[in-house]
Amino acid sequence: MKTRDKILHTALNLFNQYGVPNVTLRRIAAEMFISQGNLNYHFKHREDIIEALFFQLMEVFNTEKGKLDTEEINFQFVLDSTRAGMEALFRYRFLMIDFNQVMRENPKIHEHFKELEEVRRTTYLYSFDLAIKAGIMRAPAFETEYHGLNERIRVFSDFWIASAEVYNEPVETTVDKYHNLLVEMFFPYFTKEAQREFLLKRL
C-alpha cells in the first residue's frame, strides 16, 4: 500500500474512533510511525485528508448509480443497492457523526457534500422510476409523492449514524438495524407483490 493510501486508511480509522476534533496531523503521523513532514508531503492540512476520504465515498455512490443502467432491477436489487450505500456511509461514519462541525469548518467539504446529496437525490428518483416500471413500486398517488419520500430518506440518511452513536448501539448490528428501518420506509410504496416478497424475507 502506498504511503498516501496508508495515511488515508489510518486517518479514517482514527476519525471514526475518536472524532474529527480529536485527530490532528501529528496524531495520524504518530499512529503510522512516520514524521509529520513525511505526512505533510502528501497532505498539508487535515482538511485535505477529509476531502480525499470524502471523494472515496463519492466514488462508491457513483459506482452504485452506474449499476442502475447495467443490472436487472428487481426486489433483491433494491435491498442490495440501499444496503451498499449505507455500508459505504458507515465506513466513513465520522463524516456523519461530526456532520455539523465538518460542514461548518470546511466550506469546500460542505459544497462537495451538496454534490453528493445531488447524486443521492437523482439516484433515488431514477431508481424509483425504474422500480415503478419493473412493478416493484406502485405509481405515485400525486405528482410529488416520490420527491417527498426522497426528502425523508435524505434526512434519515444524514442522521441515522449519529443516532446510533448517541445511543451507543453495537457497531456490528448498526447497519442491519437501520437498513431494515429504511426498507420499511419503502413498504407503503411497494406493489402488493413486492410487499409479499418483503414479508417472506422477514420470516
Foldseek 3Di string as FASTA:
>chain_A
DDPLVLLLVQVQVCCLVPNDVVDALCNSCVVVVHDSVVVCVNPVGPLVSVVVLVVVLLVQLVVLLVVVVPDDDDLVNVLVSLLSNLVSCLSNVSCLQCVVVNVVVPVVVVVVVVVSLVSQLVSQVVSLVSCCVVQFFPDDPDDCVVVVLSVVVVVCSSHLSNVCVVVVPDSVCSSVVSSVVNVVSCLVGTDPVNNVVVVVVVD
